[in-house]
Amino acid sequence: MTMSIVEIKKTLKELRLSGALATIDTRLLEAQSSNLSALEVIADLLQDEVDRRHTRLLDKCFQRSGLPERTSLAEFDWTYNPHIPKRTCFELSTLKFITEGNNGIFVGKTGTGKSHIAKAIAYSAVRSGLHVVYVEADELLSNLAMTAIEPARKKKLLKPLIDADLLVLDDLFLRRKIAAESADELQAILHQRYSLRRSCIITTNRVIDDWSKCLGDPVIADAIRDRLEHAALTLHITGESYRGVKARKLAKKKKDE
């Protein structure tokens, strides 16, 4: 039985083949102008469907990750800070460290590129189909303190943090001191992830030896350090702030004018 184009579109819609439905008119015109075979047209339509589904899945994974932007190491301005270990960053973006259950710890002053690199690696993981959760550590620690006496709410908050293939804690210990409840919960999260061999990326502007001052408990600090550093690549990123360098260049340009 021969189907009309209207019937074919209706069938594609019923089968929820939105990718093929969106491009069928274009593909038919292309087939006529390029004298394509039926098999070639079908193959193109199927590829359109696969591409649409992949894009929708990527969008869903990105939204679930909590990442504020889609970024990559290719977009990063490596020229402003020659002290950043570029080769090591690209090695991390291969995601091998995640398959091995290792961690990344980026230590450096504000504005030196830690967060951008962490987000870029996290987005590479998202694009690879991994479950990624990105959180600003300051906000997370505040939420942990508020939910300490609410078991149901706390469980809902902790589950994605523990289940994710990659957890990114950005700007950990931005505050000089965190609440005792938050310190306990942070230790519990990292302990469970360590037991499950699930990876973390930590960015912080505080050297690791100072973490006990922020946590207020040397025992908890040692437990966190032990689990994070056991299988971790630690990058000490030196150099000037990107915003500072940019502001100085702008001021110089205005002066020269």
C-alpha atoms as a PDB file:
ATOM      1  CA  MET A   1       0.000   0.000   0.000  1.00  0.00           C
ATOM      2  CA  THR A   2       1.382   3.402  -0.976  1.00  0.00           C
ATOM      3  CA  MET A   3       1.187   6.092   1.691  1.00  0.00           C
ATOM      4  CA  SER A   4       0.837   9.784   0.952  1.00  0.00           C
ATOM      5  CA  ILE A   5       3.274  12.276   2.475  1.00  0.00           C
ATOM      6  CA  VAL A   6       0.523  13.367   4.862  1.00  0.00           C
ATOM      7  CA  GLU A   7       0.035   9.778   6.026  1.00  0.00           C
ATOM      8  CA  ILE A   8       3.789   9.257   6.375  1.00  0.00           C
ATOM      9  CA  LYS A   9       4.090  12.367   8.536  1.00  0.00           C
ATOM     10  CA  LYS A  10       1.154  11.232  10.632  1.00  0.00           C
ATOM     11  CA  THR A  11       2.815   7.844  11.138  1.00  0.00           C
ATOM     12  CA  LEU A  12       6.133   9.441  12.082  1.00  0.00           C
ATOM     13  CA  LYS A  13       4.301  11.559  14.647  1.00  0.00           C
ATOM     14  CA  GLU A  14       2.497   8.519  16.082  1.00  0.00           C
ATOM     15  CA  LEU A  15       5.825   6.710  16.354  1.00  0.00           C
ATOM     16  CA  ARG A  16       7.307   9.807  18.037  1.00  0.00           C
ATOM     17  CA  LEU A  17      10.036  10.080  15.425  1.00  0.00           C
ATOM     18  CA  SER A  18      10.271  13.862  15.749  1.00  0.00           C
ATOM     19  CA  GLY A  19      13.743  14.080  14.234  1.00  0.00           C
ATOM     20  CA  ALA A  20      12.677  12.399  10.991  1.00  0.00           C
ATOM     21  CA  LEU A  21       9.399  14.316  10.960  1.00  0.00           C
ATOM     22  CA  ALA A  22      11.207  17.648  11.205  1.00  0.00           C
ATOM     23  CA  THR A  23      13.464  16.958   8.215  1.00  0.00           C
ATOM     24  CA  ILE A  24      11.411  14.763   5.881  1.00  0.00           C
ATOM     25  CA  ASP A  25      10.444  17.618   3.545  1.00  0.00           C
ATOM     26  CA  THR A  26      14.077  18.698   3.221  1.00  0.00           C
ATOM     27  CA  ARG A  27      15.245  15.135   2.688  1.00  0.00           C
ATOM     28  CA  LEU A  28      12.671  14.534  -0.067  1.00  0.00           C
ATOM     29  CA  LEU A  29      13.718  17.701  -1.884  1.00  0.00           C
ATOM     30  CA  GLU A  30      17.347  16.676  -1.520  1.00  0.00           C
ATOM     31  CA  ALA A  31      16.545  13.226  -2.892  1.00  0.00           C
ATOM     32  CA  GLN A  32      14.870  14.725  -5.968  1.00  0.00           C
ATOM     33  CA  SER A  33      17.659  17.221  -6.682  1.00  0.00           C
ATOM     34  CA  SER A  34      20.501  14.756  -6.066  1.00  0.00           C
ATOM     35  CA  ASN A  35      18.802  11.630  -7.409  1.00  0.00           C
ATOM     36  CA  LEU A  36      19.253   9.742  -4.136  1.00  0.00           C
ATOM     37  CA  SER A  37      18.067   6.177  -3.697  1.00  0.00           C
ATOM     38  CA  ALA A  38      15.309   5.174  -1.281  1.00  0.00           C
ATOM     39  CA  LEU A  39      17.914   3.554   0.993  1.00  0.00           C
ATOM     40  CA  GLU A  40      19.926   6.785   1.140  1.00  0.00           C
ATOM     41  CA  VAL A  41      16.838   8.801   2.065  1.00  0.00           C
ATOM     42  CA  ILE A  42      15.877   6.311   4.782  1.00  0.00           C
ATOM     43  CA  ALA A  43      19.431   6.341   6.134  1.00  0.00           C
ATOM     44  CA  ASP A  44      19.446  10.161   6.287  1.00  0.00           C
ATOM     45  CA  LEU A  45      16.072  10.245   8.051  1.00  0.00           C
ATOM     46  CA  LEU A  46      17.227   7.686  10.600  1.00  0.00           C
ATOM     47  CA  GLN A  47      20.378   9.711  11.234  1.00  0.00           C
ATOM     48  CA  ASP A  48      18.270  12.834  11.710  1.00  0.00           C
ATOM     49  CA  GLU A  49      16.258  10.962  14.323  1.00  0.00           C
ATOM     50  CA  VAL A  50      19.379   9.740  16.108  1.00  0.00           C
ATOM     51  CA  ASP A  51      20.851  13.262  16.092  1.00  0.00           C
ATOM     52  CA  ARG A  52      17.636  14.769  17.501  1.00  0.00           C
ATOM     53  CA  ARG A  53      17.466  12.200  20.291  1.00  0.00           C
ATOM     54  CA  HIS A  54      21.134  12.681  21.125  1.00  0.00           C
ATOM     55  CA  THR A  55      20.663  16.451  21.332  1.00  0.00           C
ATOM     56  CA  ARG A  56      17.598  16.112  23.560  1.00  0.00           C
ATOM     57  CA  LEU A  57      19.432  13.672  25.832  1.00  0.00           C
ATOM     58  CA  LEU A  58      22.426  16.012  26.039  1.00  0.00           C
ATOM     59  CA  ASP A  59      20.137  18.924  26.908  1.00  0.00           C
ATOM     60  CA  LYS A  60      18.469  16.851  29.614  1.00  0.00           C
ATOM     61  CA  CYS A  61      21.808  15.753  31.097  1.00  0.00           C
ATOM     62  CA  PHE A  62      23.088  19.334  31.013  1.00  0.00           C
ATOM     63  CA  GLN A  63      20.019  20.661  32.818  1.00  0.00           C
ATOM     64  CA  ARG A  64      20.291  17.907  35.426  1.00  0.00           C
ATOM     65  CA  SER A  65      23.992  18.627  36.022  1.00  0.00           C
ATOM     66  CA  GLY A  66      23.444  22.113  37.424  1.00  0.00           C
ATOM     67  CA  LEU A  67      26.273  23.516  35.306  1.00  0.00           C
ATOM     68  CA  PRO A  68      25.690  27.244  34.728  1.00  0.00           C
ATOM     69  CA  GLU A  69      27.147  27.198  31.217  1.00  0.00           C
ATOM     70  CA  ARG A  70      28.411  24.959  28.430  1.00  0.00           C
ATOM     71  CA  THR A  71      32.107  25.545  28.140  1.00  0.00           C
ATOM     72  CA  SER A  72      35.213  23.770  26.909  1.00  0.00           C
ATOM     73  CA  LEU A  73      38.962  23.888  27.303  1.00  0.00           C
ATOM     74  CA  ALA A  74      39.194  24.935  23.653  1.00  0.00           C
ATOM     75  CA  GLU A  75      37.453  28.214  24.564  1.00  0.00           C
ATOM     76  CA  PHE A  76      39.791  28.925  27.462  1.00  0.00           C
ATOM     77  CA  ASP A  77      42.288  31.785  27.147  1.00  0.00           C
ATOM     78  CA  TRP A  78      45.507  29.972  27.998  1.00  0.00           C
ATOM     79  CA  THR A  79      47.672  32.990  27.174  1.00  0.00           C
ATOM     80  CA  TYR A  80      46.811  35.093  30.210  1.00  0.00           C
ATOM     81  CA  ASN A  81      48.238  32.612  32.709  1.00  0.00           C
ATOM     82  CA  PRO A  82      51.185  30.500  31.473  1.00  0.00           C
ATOM     83  CA  HIS A  83      51.384  28.776  34.865  1.00  0.00           C
ATOM     84  CA  ILE A  84      48.278  26.659  34.240  1.00  0.00           C
ATOM     85  CA  PRO A  85      49.289  23.036  33.434  1.00  0.00           C
ATOM     86  CA  LYS A  86      47.527  22.891  30.061  1.00  0.00           C
ATOM     87  CA  ARG A  87      48.573  19.342  29.204  1.00  0.00           C
ATOM     88  CA  THR A  88      47.301  17.991  32.530  1.00  0.00           C
ATOM     89  CA  CYS A  89      43.961  19.782  32.087  1.00  0.00           C
ATOM     90  CA  PHE A  90      43.437  18.219  28.668  1.00  0.00           C
ATOM     91  CA  GLU A  91      44.419  14.836  30.092  1.00  0.00           C
ATOM     92  CA  LEU A  92      41.672  15.223  32.696  1.00  0.00           C
ATOM     93  CA  SER A  93      39.190  16.132  29.953  1.00  0.00           C
ATOM     94  CA  THR A  94      39.666  12.641  28.459  1.00  0.00           C
ATOM     95  CA  LEU A  95      37.712  11.509  31.573  1.00  0.00           C
ATOM     96  CA  LYS A  96      40.032   8.584  32.232  1.00  0.00           C
ATOM     97  CA  PHE A  97      40.234   9.675  35.860  1.00  0.00           C
ATOM     98  CA  ILE A  98      36.479   9.085  36.208  1.00  0.00           C
ATOM     99  CA  THR A  99      36.642   5.532  34.877  1.00  0.00           C
ATOM    100  CA  GLU A 100      39.426   4.901  37.388  1.00  0.00           C
ATOM    101  CA  GLY A 101      37.513   6.469  40.277  1.00  0.00           C
ATOM    102  CA  ASN A 102      40.094   9.197  40.860  1.00  0.00           C
ATOM    103  CA  ASN A 103      39.670  12.838  41.878  1.00  0.00           C
ATOM    104  CA  GLY A 104      40.896  16.258  40.812  1.00  0.00           C
ATOM    105  CA  ILE A 105      41.773  19.013  43.280  1.00  0.00           C
ATOM    106  CA  PHE A 106      42.428  22.495  41.886  1.00  0.00           C
ATOM    107  CA  VAL A 107      44.042  24.897  44.352  1.00  0.00           C
ATOM    108  CA  GLY A 108      44.703  28.529  43.544  1.00  0.00           C
ATOM    109  CA  LYS A 109      43.769  32.148  44.084  1.00  0.00           C
ATOM    110  CA  THR A 110      40.444  33.557  42.905  1.00  0.00           C
ATOM    111  CA  GLY A 111      40.308  34.234  39.168  1.00  0.00           C
ATOM    112  CA  THR A 112      43.180  31.977  38.102  1.00  0.00           C
ATOM    113  CA  GLY A 113      40.993  29.663  36.003  1.00  0.00           C
ATOM    114  CA  LYS A 114      40.105  26.833  38.415  1.00  0.00           C
ATOM    115  CA  SER A 115      36.341  27.018  37.975  1.00  0.00           C
ATOM    116  CA  HIS A 116      36.427  27.357  34.193  1.00  0.00           C
ATOM    117  CA  ILE A 117      38.638  24.279  33.878  1.00  0.00           C
ATOM    118  CA  ALA A 118      36.424  22.305  36.283  1.00  0.00           C
ATOM    119  CA  LYS A 119      33.254  23.268  34.382  1.00  0.00           C
ATOM    120  CA  ALA A 120      34.846  22.394  31.045  1.00  0.00           C
ATOM    121  CA  ILE A 121      35.852  18.929  32.256  1.00  0.00           C
ATOM    122  CA  ALA A 122      32.395  18.454  33.769  1.00  0.00           C
ATOM    123  CA  TYR A 123      30.719  19.387  30.484  1.00  0.00           C
ATOM    124  CA  SER A 124      32.953  16.889  28.654  1.00  0.00           C
ATOM    125  CA  ALA A 125      31.604  14.276  31.052  1.00  0.00           C
ATOM    126  CA  VAL A 126      28.017  15.400  30.363  1.00  0.00           C
ATOM    127  CA  ARG A 127      28.599  15.099  26.617  1.00  0.00           C
ATOM    128  CA  SER A 128      29.907  11.583  27.176  1.00  0.00           C
ATOM    129  CA  GLY A 129      26.632  10.590  28.813  1.00  0.00           C
ATOM    130  CA  LEU A 130      27.888  10.564  32.396  1.00  0.00           C
ATOM    131  CA  HIS A 131      25.780  11.713  35.330  1.00  0.00           C
ATOM    132  CA  VAL A 132      27.359  14.957  36.514  1.00  0.00           C
ATOM    133  CA  VAL A 133      26.384  17.180  39.431  1.00  0.00           C
ATOM    134  CA  TYR A 134      27.921  20.641  39.738  1.00  0.00           C
ATOM    135  CA  VAL A 135      27.338  22.693  42.891  1.00  0.00           C
ATOM    136  CA  GLU A 136      28.786  25.837  44.358  1.00  0.00           C
ATOM    137  CA  ALA A 137      30.148  24.517  47.619  1.00  0.00           C
ATOM    138  CA  ASP A 138      29.120  27.538  49.680  1.00  0.00           C
ATOM    139  CA  GLU A 139      25.472  27.087  48.701  1.00  0.00           C
ATOM    140  CA  LEU A 140      25.617  23.338  49.248  1.00  0.00           C
ATOM    141  CA  LEU A 141      27.090  23.673  52.743  1.00  0.00           C
ATOM    142  CA  SER A 142      24.372  26.163  53.692  1.00  0.00           C
ATOM    143  CA  ASN A 143      21.688  23.760  52.457  1.00  0.00           C
ATOM    144  CA  LEU A 144      23.287  20.880  54.343  1.00  0.00           C
ATOM    145  CA  ALA A 145      23.200  22.905  57.565  1.00  0.00           C
ATOM    146  CA  MET A 146      19.507  23.779  57.040  1.00  0.00           C
ATOM    147  CA  THR A 147      18.481  20.185  56.288  1.00  0.00           C
ATOM    148  CA  ALA A 148      20.450  18.589  59.131  1.00  0.00           C
ATOM    149  CA  ILE A 149      17.278  18.099  61.196  1.00  0.00           C
ATOM    150  CA  GLU A 150      15.001  17.231  58.273  1.00  0.00           C
ATOM    151  CA  PRO A 151      15.762  13.602  57.289  1.00  0.00           C
ATOM    152  CA  ALA A 152      13.430  13.449  54.268  1.00  0.00           C
ATOM    153  CA  ARG A 153      14.674  16.710  52.783  1.00  0.00           C
ATOM    154  CA  LYS A 154      18.285  15.799  53.513  1.00  0.00           C
ATOM    155  CA  LYS A 155      17.940  12.427  51.800  1.00  0.00           C
ATOM    156  CA  LYS A 156      16.542  14.114  48.683  1.00  0.00           C
ATOM    157  CA  LEU A 157      19.444  16.564  48.672  1.00  0.00           C
ATOM    158  CA  LEU A 158      22.162  13.956  49.247  1.00  0.00           C
ATOM    159  CA  LYS A 159      21.058  11.268  46.786  1.00  0.00           C
ATOM    160  CA  PRO A 160      22.198  12.979  43.531  1.00  0.00           C
ATOM    161  CA  LEU A 161      25.421  14.089  45.219  1.00  0.00           C
ATOM    162  CA  ILE A 162      26.271  10.483  46.024  1.00  0.00           C
ATOM    163  CA  ASP A 163      24.911   8.854  42.859  1.00  0.00           C
ATOM    164  CA  ALA A 164      26.637  11.104  40.304  1.00  0.00           C
ATOM    165  CA  ASP A 165      29.532   9.721  38.270  1.00  0.00           C
ATOM    166  CA  LEU A 166      31.248  13.080  38.793  1.00  0.00           C
ATOM    167  CA  LEU A 167      30.594  15.570  41.583  1.00  0.00           C
ATOM    168  CA  VAL A 168      32.052  19.064  41.198  1.00  0.00           C
ATOM    169  CA  LEU A 169      32.339  21.147  44.367  1.00  0.00           C
ATOM    170  CA  ASP A 170      33.278  24.636  43.215  1.00  0.00           C
ATOM    171  CA  ASP A 171      34.991  27.097  45.577  1.00  0.00           C
ATOM    172  CA  LEU A 172      35.099  24.785  48.566  1.00  0.00           C
ATOM    173  CA  PHE A 173      35.949  26.614  51.814  1.00  0.00           C
ATOM    174  CA  LEU A 174      35.220  30.033  50.364  1.00  0.00           C
ATOM    175  CA  ARG A 175      33.999  30.892  53.842  1.00  0.00           C
ATOM    176  CA  ARG A 176      36.562  30.972  56.594  1.00  0.00           C
ATOM    177  CA  LYS A 177      34.488  28.681  58.831  1.00  0.00           C
ATOM    178  CA  ILE A 178      31.630  26.294  58.061  1.00  0.00           C
ATOM    179  CA  ALA A 179      28.960  24.943  60.388  1.00  0.00           C
ATOM    180  CA  ALA A 180      29.700  21.714  62.253  1.00  0.00           C
ATOM    181  CA  GLU A 181      26.600  20.074  60.722  1.00  0.00           C
ATOM    182  CA  SER A 182      27.846  20.931  57.237  1.00  0.00           C
ATOM    183  CA  ALA A 183      31.287  19.526  57.986  1.00  0.00           C
ATOM    184  CA  ASP A 184      29.782  16.237  59.144  1.00  0.00           C
ATOM    185  CA  GLU A 185      27.569  15.937  56.063  1.00  0.00           C
ATOM    186  CA  LEU A 186      30.414  16.860  53.705  1.00  0.00           C
ATOM    187  CA  GLN A 187      32.561  14.158  55.247  1.00  0.00           C
ATOM    188  CA  ALA A 188      29.702  11.649  54.905  1.00  0.00           C
ATOM    189  CA  ILE A 189      29.173  12.503  51.214  1.00  0.00           C
ATOM    190  CA  LEU A 190      32.854  12.171  50.362  1.00  0.00           C
ATOM    191  CA  HIS A 191      33.142   8.961  52.395  1.00  0.00           C
ATOM    192  CA  GLN A 192      30.267   7.327  50.508  1.00  0.00           C
ATOM    193  CA  ARG A 193      31.596   8.467  47.150  1.00  0.00           C
ATOM    194  CA  TYR A 194      35.031   7.146  48.047  1.00  0.00           C
ATOM    195  CA  SER A 195      33.521   3.774  48.986  1.00  0.00           C
ATOM    196  CA  LEU A 196      31.686   3.658  45.641  1.00  0.00           C
ATOM    197  CA  ARG A 197      34.791   4.768  43.676  1.00  0.00           C
ATOM    198  CA  ARG A 198      33.009   7.807  42.279  1.00  0.00           C
ATOM    199  CA  SER A 199      35.017  10.833  41.269  1.00  0.00           C
ATOM    200  CA  CYS A 200      35.054  14.407  42.525  1.00  0.00           C
ATOM    201  CA  ILE A 201      36.542  17.649  41.311  1.00  0.00           C
ATOM    202  CA  ILE A 202      37.229  20.177  44.041  1.00  0.00           C
ATOM    203  CA  THR A 203      38.200  23.787  43.403  1.00  0.00           C
ATOM    204  CA  THR A 204      39.399  25.872  46.327  1.00  0.00           C
ATOM    205  CA  ASN A 205      41.429  28.990  47.039  1.00  0.00           C
ATOM    206  CA  ARG A 206      42.695  27.526  50.319  1.00  0.00           C
ATOM    207  CA  VAL A 207      45.764  25.313  50.503  1.00  0.00           C
ATOM    208  CA  ILE A 208      44.914  21.828  51.711  1.00  0.00           C
ATOM    209  CA  ASP A 209      46.855  22.256  54.970  1.00  0.00           C
ATOM    210  CA  ASP A 210      44.405  25.016  55.969  1.00  0.00           C
ATOM    211  CA  TRP A 211      41.251  22.947  55.517  1.00  0.00           C
ATOM    212  CA  SER A 212      41.135  21.959  59.190  1.00  0.00           C
ATOM    213  CA  LYS A 213      40.781  25.653  60.116  1.00  0.00           C
ATOM    214  CA  CYS A 214      37.690  25.945  57.909  1.00  0.00           C
ATOM    215  CA  LEU A 215      36.168  22.709  59.161  1.00  0.00           C
ATOM    216  CA  GLY A 216      36.946  23.428  62.802  1.00  0.00           C
ATOM    217  CA  ASP A 217      37.779  19.768  63.425  1.00  0.00           C
ATOM    218  CA  PRO A 218      41.177  18.255  62.540  1.00  0.00           C
ATOM    219  CA  VAL A 219      39.737  14.721  62.620  1.00  0.00           C
ATOM    220  CA  ILE A 220      37.072  15.504  60.002  1.00  0.00           C
ATOM    221  CA  ALA A 221      39.636  17.435  57.954  1.00  0.00           C
ATOM    222  CA  ASP A 222      42.001  14.459  57.968  1.00  0.00           C
ATOM    223  CA  ALA A 223      39.180  12.100  56.970  1.00  0.00           C
ATOM    224  CA  ILE A 224      38.188  14.329  54.038  1.00  0.00           C
ATOM    225  CA  ARG A 225      41.781  14.795  52.915  1.00  0.00           C
ATOM    226  CA  ASP A 226      42.506  11.082  53.171  1.00  0.00           C
ATOM    227  CA  ARG A 227      39.586  10.150  50.924  1.00  0.00           C
ATOM    228  CA  LEU A 228      40.114  12.910  48.387  1.00  0.00           C
ATOM    229  CA  GLU A 229      43.892  12.701  48.128  1.00  0.00           C
ATOM    230  CA  HIS A 230      44.146   8.914  48.102  1.00  0.00           C
ATOM    231  CA  ALA A 231      43.644   8.796  44.337  1.00  0.00           C
ATOM    232  CA  ALA A 232      43.771  12.430  43.266  1.00  0.00           C
ATOM    233  CA  LEU A 233      45.593  14.696  40.902  1.00  0.00           C
ATOM    234  CA  THR A 234      46.226  17.987  42.684  1.00  0.00           C
ATOM    235  CA  LEU A 235      46.870  21.073  40.578  1.00  0.00           C
ATOM    236  CA  HIS A 236      48.356  24.107  42.296  1.00  0.00           C
ATOM    237  CA  ILE A 237      47.425  26.914  39.925  1.00  0.00           C
ATOM    238  CA  THR A 238      49.465  30.071  40.420  1.00  0.00           C
ATOM    239  CA  GLY A 239      49.456  33.338  38.535  1.00  0.00           C
ATOM    240  CA  GLU A 240      47.307  36.440  38.393  1.00  0.00           C
ATOM    241  CA  SER A 241      43.545  36.781  38.268  1.00  0.00           C
ATOM    242  CA  TYR A 242      42.085  36.826  34.752  1.00  0.00           C
ATOM    243  CA  ARG A 243      39.795  39.689  35.705  1.00  0.00           C
ATOM    244  CA  GLY A 244      42.744  41.596  37.179  1.00  0.00           C
ATOM    245  CA  VAL A 245      44.848  41.148  34.050  1.00  0.00           C
ATOM    246  CA  LYS A 246      41.930  42.160  31.828  1.00  0.00           C
ATOM    247  CA  ALA A 247      41.176  45.257  33.934  1.00  0.00           C
ATOM    248  CA  ARG A 248      44.829  46.307  33.840  1.00  0.00           C
ATOM    249  CA  LYS A 249      44.991  45.931  30.041  1.00  0.00           C
ATOM    250  CA  LEU A 250      41.796  47.954  29.679  1.00  0.00           C
ATOM    251  CA  ALA A 251      43.136  50.705  31.928  1.00  0.00           C
ATOM    252  CA  LYS A 252      46.363  50.826  29.925  1.00  0.00           C
ATOM    253  CA  LYS A 253      44.449  50.990  26.645  1.00  0.00           C
ATOM    254  CA  LYS A 254      42.371  53.938  27.905  1.00  0.00           C
ATOM    255  CA  LYS A 255      45.514  55.677  29.137  1.00  0.00           C
ATOM    256  CA  ASP A 256      47.235  55.238  25.769  1.00  0.00           C
ATOM    257  CA  GLU A 257      44.205  56.670  23.991  1.00  0.00           C
END
